[in-house]
C-alpha atoms as a PDB file:
ATOM      1  CA  MET A   1      53.157  -5.500 -94.503  1.00  0.00           C
ATOM      2  CA  ASP A   2      51.384  -5.601 -97.851  1.00  0.00           C
ATOM      3  CA  GLU A   3      47.892  -4.026 -98.597  1.00  0.00           C
ATOM      4  CA  GLY A   4      46.180  -7.529 -98.055  1.00  0.00           C
ATOM      5  CA  GLN A   5      47.327  -7.566 -94.466  1.00  0.00           C
ATOM      6  CA  ALA A   6      46.267  -4.208 -93.640  1.00  0.00           C
ATOM      7  CA  ILE A   7      42.758  -4.943 -94.937  1.00  0.00           C
ATOM      8  CA  ARG A   8      42.558  -8.243 -92.869  1.00  0.00           C
ATOM      9  CA  MET A   9      43.497  -6.469 -89.750  1.00  0.00           C
ATOM     10  CA  THR A  10      41.051  -3.530 -90.377  1.00  0.00           C
ATOM     11  CA  GLU A  11      38.247  -6.111 -90.900  1.00  0.00           C
ATOM     12  CA  LYS A  12      39.340  -8.134 -87.892  1.00  0.00           C
ATOM     13  CA  GLY A  13      39.311  -4.796 -85.725  1.00  0.00           C
ATOM     14  CA  SER A  14      35.931  -3.516 -86.973  1.00  0.00           C
ATOM     15  CA  PRO A  15      33.831  -6.095 -84.714  1.00  0.00           C
ATOM     16  CA  ILE A  16      36.003  -4.921 -81.703  1.00  0.00           C
ATOM     17  CA  LEU A  17      35.543  -1.237 -82.610  1.00  0.00           C
ATOM     18  CA  LEU A  18      31.802  -1.983 -82.901  1.00  0.00           C
ATOM     19  CA  LEU A  19      31.733  -4.048 -79.655  1.00  0.00           C
ATOM     20  CA  ILE A  20      33.345  -0.763 -77.895  1.00  0.00           C
ATOM     21  CA  ALA A  21      31.003   1.610 -79.435  1.00  0.00           C
ATOM     22  CA  PHE A  22      27.529  -0.400 -78.275  1.00  0.00           C
ATOM     23  CA  SER A  23      29.218  -0.880 -74.972  1.00  0.00           C
ATOM     24  CA  LEU A  24      29.567   2.764 -74.618  1.00  0.00           C
ATOM     25  CA  LEU A  25      26.093   3.618 -75.966  1.00  0.00           C
ATOM     26  CA  TYR A  26      24.561   0.932 -73.551  1.00  0.00           C
ATOM     27  CA  TRP A  27      26.559   2.158 -70.534  1.00  0.00           C
ATOM     28  CA  ALA A  28      25.350   5.929 -71.371  1.00  0.00           C
ATOM     29  CA  SER A  29      21.632   4.665 -71.500  1.00  0.00           C
ATOM     30  CA  ILE A  30      21.613   3.256 -68.179  1.00  0.00           C
ATOM     31  CA  PRO A  31      19.807   5.410 -65.613  1.00  0.00           C
ATOM     32  CA  THR A  32      22.245   6.836 -62.820  1.00  0.00           C
ATOM     33  CA  VAL A  33      21.390   6.065 -59.354  1.00  0.00           C
ATOM     34  CA  ALA A  34      20.235   9.349 -57.644  1.00  0.00           C
ATOM     35  CA  PRO A  35      22.622  10.375 -54.858  1.00  0.00           C
ATOM     36  CA  GLU A  36      21.561  10.221 -51.201  1.00  0.00           C
ATOM     37  CA  THR A  37      19.931  13.201 -49.735  1.00  0.00           C
ATOM     38  CA  THR A  38      21.363  15.420 -47.247  1.00  0.00           C
ATOM     39  CA  GLN A  39      19.912  17.831 -44.898  1.00  0.00           C
ATOM     40  CA  CYS A  40      20.868  20.732 -47.187  1.00  0.00           C
ATOM     41  CA  ASP A  41      18.862  18.868 -49.698  1.00  0.00           C
ATOM     42  CA  LEU A  42      15.920  18.335 -47.498  1.00  0.00           C
ATOM     43  CA  LEU A  43      15.818  22.255 -46.573  1.00  0.00           C
ATOM     44  CA  ASP A  44      15.007  22.928 -50.202  1.00  0.00           C
ATOM     45  CA  THR A  45      12.067  20.733 -50.262  1.00  0.00           C
ATOM     46  CA  VAL A  46      10.598  21.053 -46.543  1.00  0.00           C
ATOM     47  CA  PRO A  47       8.951  24.372 -45.339  1.00  0.00           C
ATOM     48  CA  LEU A  48      11.169  24.707 -42.373  1.00  0.00           C
ATOM     49  CA  ILE A  49       9.432  27.867 -40.962  1.00  0.00           C
ATOM     50  CA  GLU A  50       5.962  26.358 -40.916  1.00  0.00           C
ATOM     51  CA  GLU A  51       7.129  23.291 -39.174  1.00  0.00           C
ATOM     52  CA  VAL A  52       8.586  25.253 -36.550  1.00  0.00           C
ATOM     53  CA  ALA A  53       5.442  27.401 -36.355  1.00  0.00           C
ATOM     54  CA  ARG A  54       3.528  24.475 -35.390  1.00  0.00           C
ATOM     55  CA  VAL A  55       5.898  23.462 -32.516  1.00  0.00           C
ATOM     56  CA  GLU A  56       3.945  24.330 -29.033  1.00  0.00           C
ATOM     57  CA  PHE A  57       6.156  24.714 -25.910  1.00  0.00           C
ATOM     58  CA  ILE A  58       4.114  24.415 -22.573  1.00  0.00           C
ATOM     59  CA  ALA A  59       5.908  25.728 -19.717  1.00  0.00           C
ATOM     60  CA  PRO A  60       5.350  23.976 -16.282  1.00  0.00           C
ATOM     61  CA  PRO A  61       3.528  26.414 -13.883  1.00  0.00           C
ATOM     62  CA  LYS A  62       5.735  28.581 -12.336  1.00  0.00           C
ATOM     63  CA  GLU A  63       5.799  28.421  -8.443  1.00  0.00           C
ATOM     64  CA  PRO A  64       5.753  32.208  -6.990  1.00  0.00           C
ATOM     65  CA  ASP A  65       9.073  33.395  -5.531  1.00  0.00           C
ATOM     66  CA  PRO A  66       9.318  33.389  -1.853  1.00  0.00           C
ATOM     67  CA  GLN A  67       9.470  36.977  -0.814  1.00  0.00           C
ATOM     68  CA  PRO A  68      12.753  37.961   0.931  1.00  0.00           C
ATOM     69  CA  SER A  69      12.493  39.483   4.346  1.00  0.00           C
ATOM     70  CA  PRO A  70      13.862  42.844   4.669  1.00  0.00           C
ATOM     71  CA  SER A  71      16.806  41.192   6.637  1.00  0.00           C
ATOM     72  CA  ASP A  72      17.651  39.362   3.474  1.00  0.00           C
ATOM     73  CA  LYS A  73      17.897  42.250   0.993  1.00  0.00           C
ATOM     74  CA  PRO A  74      21.244  43.688   0.679  1.00  0.00           C
ATOM     75  CA  HIS A  75      21.581  47.318   1.850  1.00  0.00           C
ATOM     76  CA  GLU A  76      20.712  49.357  -1.188  1.00  0.00           C
ATOM     77  CA  LYS A  77      22.159  52.791  -1.475  1.00  0.00           C
ATOM     78  CA  THR A  78      19.597  55.562  -1.389  1.00  0.00           C
ATOM     79  CA  LYS A  79      19.327  57.212  -4.731  1.00  0.00           C
ATOM     80  CA  ARG A  80      19.904  60.950  -4.593  1.00  0.00           C
ATOM     81  CA  GLU A  81      19.099  63.138  -7.279  1.00  0.00           C
ATOM     82  CA  ILE A  82      19.234  67.328  -7.607  1.00  0.00           C
ATOM     83  CA  LEU A  83      17.632  69.491 -10.139  1.00  0.00           C
ATOM     84  CA  VAL A  84      19.143  72.740 -10.581  1.00  0.00           C
ATOM     85  CA  PHE A  85      16.896  75.432 -12.281  1.00  0.00           C
ATOM     86  CA  VAL A  86      19.150  78.156 -13.643  1.00  0.00           C
ATOM     87  CA  SER A  87      18.933  81.356 -15.798  1.00  0.00           C
ATOM     88  CA  LYS A  88      20.965  83.262 -18.119  1.00  0.00           C
ATOM     89  CA  ASN A  89      23.246  85.936 -16.546  1.00  0.00           C
ATOM     90  CA  CYS A  90      22.874  84.525 -13.017  1.00  0.00           C
ATOM     91  CA  PRO A  91      26.145  84.668 -11.259  1.00  0.00           C
ATOM     92  CA  PRO A  92      25.128  82.551  -8.417  1.00  0.00           C
ATOM     93  CA  CYS A  93      23.989  79.725 -10.749  1.00  0.00           C
ATOM     94  CA  GLU A  94      27.441  79.902 -12.840  1.00  0.00           C
ATOM     95  CA  LYS A  95      29.278  79.539  -9.415  1.00  0.00           C
ATOM     96  CA  TRP A  96      27.396  76.771  -8.219  1.00  0.00           C
ATOM     97  CA  LYS A  97      27.929  74.869 -11.590  1.00  0.00           C
ATOM     98  CA  ARG A  98      31.770  75.743 -11.231  1.00  0.00           C
ATOM     99  CA  CYS A  99      31.949  74.773  -7.676  1.00  0.00           C
ATOM    100  CA  GLU A 100      29.324  72.501  -6.243  1.00  0.00           C
ATOM    101  CA  MET A 101      28.336  70.485  -9.138  1.00  0.00           C
ATOM    102  CA  GLN A 102      31.363  68.328  -9.226  1.00  0.00           C
ATOM    103  CA  ARG A 103      31.036  67.726  -5.348  1.00  0.00           C
ATOM    104  CA  PHE A 104      27.609  66.652  -5.772  1.00  0.00           C
ATOM    105  CA  MET A 105      28.603  64.014  -8.561  1.00  0.00           C
ATOM    106  CA  ASP A 106      31.625  62.854  -6.578  1.00  0.00           C
ATOM    107  CA  ALA A 107      29.246  61.996  -3.703  1.00  0.00           C
ATOM    108  CA  GLY A 108      27.139  60.086  -5.902  1.00  0.00           C
ATOM    109  CA  TRP A 109      24.053  62.374  -6.759  1.00  0.00           C
ATOM    110  CA  SER A 110      22.657  62.476 -10.332  1.00  0.00           C
ATOM    111  CA  VAL A 111      22.633  66.115 -11.168  1.00  0.00           C
ATOM    112  CA  GLY A 112      20.382  67.652 -13.811  1.00  0.00           C
ATOM    113  CA  ILE A 113      20.578  71.244 -14.910  1.00  0.00           C
ATOM    114  CA  VAL A 114      17.180  72.651 -16.303  1.00  0.00           C
ATOM    115  CA  GLU A 115      17.318  76.119 -18.235  1.00  0.00           C
ATOM    116  CA  VAL A 116      13.619  76.645 -19.425  1.00  0.00           C
ATOM    117  CA  HIS A 117      11.284  76.618 -16.313  1.00  0.00           C
ATOM    118  CA  SER A 118       8.929  78.544 -14.565  1.00  0.00           C
ATOM    119  CA  TYR A 119      10.559  79.419 -11.427  1.00  0.00           C
ATOM    120  CA  GLY A 120      11.194  83.332 -10.735  1.00  0.00           C
ATOM    121  CA  LEU A 121      14.021  83.144  -8.472  1.00  0.00           C
ATOM    122  CA  THR A 122      17.195  81.207  -9.420  1.00  0.00           C
ATOM    123  CA  PRO A 123      19.130  78.989  -8.587  1.00  0.00           C
ATOM    124  CA  THR A 124      16.321  77.064  -7.301  1.00  0.00           C
ATOM    125  CA  PHE A 125      16.909  73.354  -6.293  1.00  0.00           C
ATOM    126  CA  GLU A 126      14.708  70.213  -6.379  1.00  0.00           C
ATOM    127  CA  ILE A 127      16.315  67.671  -4.285  1.00  0.00           C
ATOM    128  CA  GLU A 128      15.385  64.194  -3.960  1.00  0.00           C
ATOM    129  CA  SER A 129      16.692  61.587  -1.607  1.00  0.00           C
ATOM    130  CA  GLY A 130      15.072  58.079  -1.471  1.00  0.00           C
ATOM    131  CA  ASP A 131      11.293  59.091  -0.679  1.00  0.00           C
ATOM    132  CA  LYS A 132      11.962  62.566   0.375  1.00  0.00           C
ATOM    133  CA  LYS A 133      11.702  65.586  -1.804  1.00  0.00           C
ATOM    134  CA  VAL A 134      12.531  69.224  -0.957  1.00  0.00           C
ATOM    135  CA  ALA A 135      12.729  72.576  -3.013  1.00  0.00           C
ATOM    136  CA  ARG A 136      15.116  75.341  -2.025  1.00  0.00           C
ATOM    137  CA  THR A 137      16.026  78.757  -3.381  1.00  0.00           C
ATOM    138  CA  GLY A 138      19.312  80.183  -3.384  1.00  0.00           C
ATOM    139  CA  TYR A 139      22.808  78.789  -3.415  1.00  0.00           C
ATOM    140  CA  THR A 140      22.806  75.387  -1.957  1.00  0.00           C
ATOM    141  CA  THR A 141      25.849  73.527  -1.054  1.00  0.00           C
ATOM    142  CA  LEU A 142      26.502  69.522  -0.602  1.00  0.00           C
ATOM    143  CA  GLU A 143      26.079  69.759   2.978  1.00  0.00           C
ATOM    144  CA  GLN A 144      22.835  71.947   2.880  1.00  0.00           C
ATOM    145  CA  ALA A 145      21.160  69.298   0.449  1.00  0.00           C
ATOM    146  CA  ALA A 146      22.015  66.527   2.542  1.00  0.00           C
ATOM    147  CA  GLU A 147      20.756  68.205   5.585  1.00  0.00           C
ATOM    148  CA  ALA A 148      17.525  69.217   3.676  1.00  0.00           C
ATOM    149  CA  VAL A 149      16.582  65.731   2.929  1.00  0.00           C
ATOM    150  CA  ARG A 150      17.189  64.112   6.224  1.00  0.00           C
END
């Protein structure tokens, strides 16, 4: 290939290169179509909390529940509690905690130990079973407590 041929090819290729360059510029200047909005995009623009706050729920009027007769109620176990008022250096108090307390708990009683109180004699017991409440002073066994609230 001689120099004359090389110049002619460049002259023939110039219009093609210019056409490609103008096509690229034209393509770059065309505005792009915005992508479809999604739920995630809408969350950025819609005040979601305010919209939810405006919703009002109206509940239908509630009909009163029919009262079950006493025979319809399942048998409820009577709640039994015993509060034991103790003091320091009280041998009967320590013996009761060692020997009787576990028997009460095994029988389903709630047991509370009170060390700061105004009772003069200890041990003192406040025994409650259902709607009955009894106070006893002195060592009290499970059987004695159950008999006291009958």
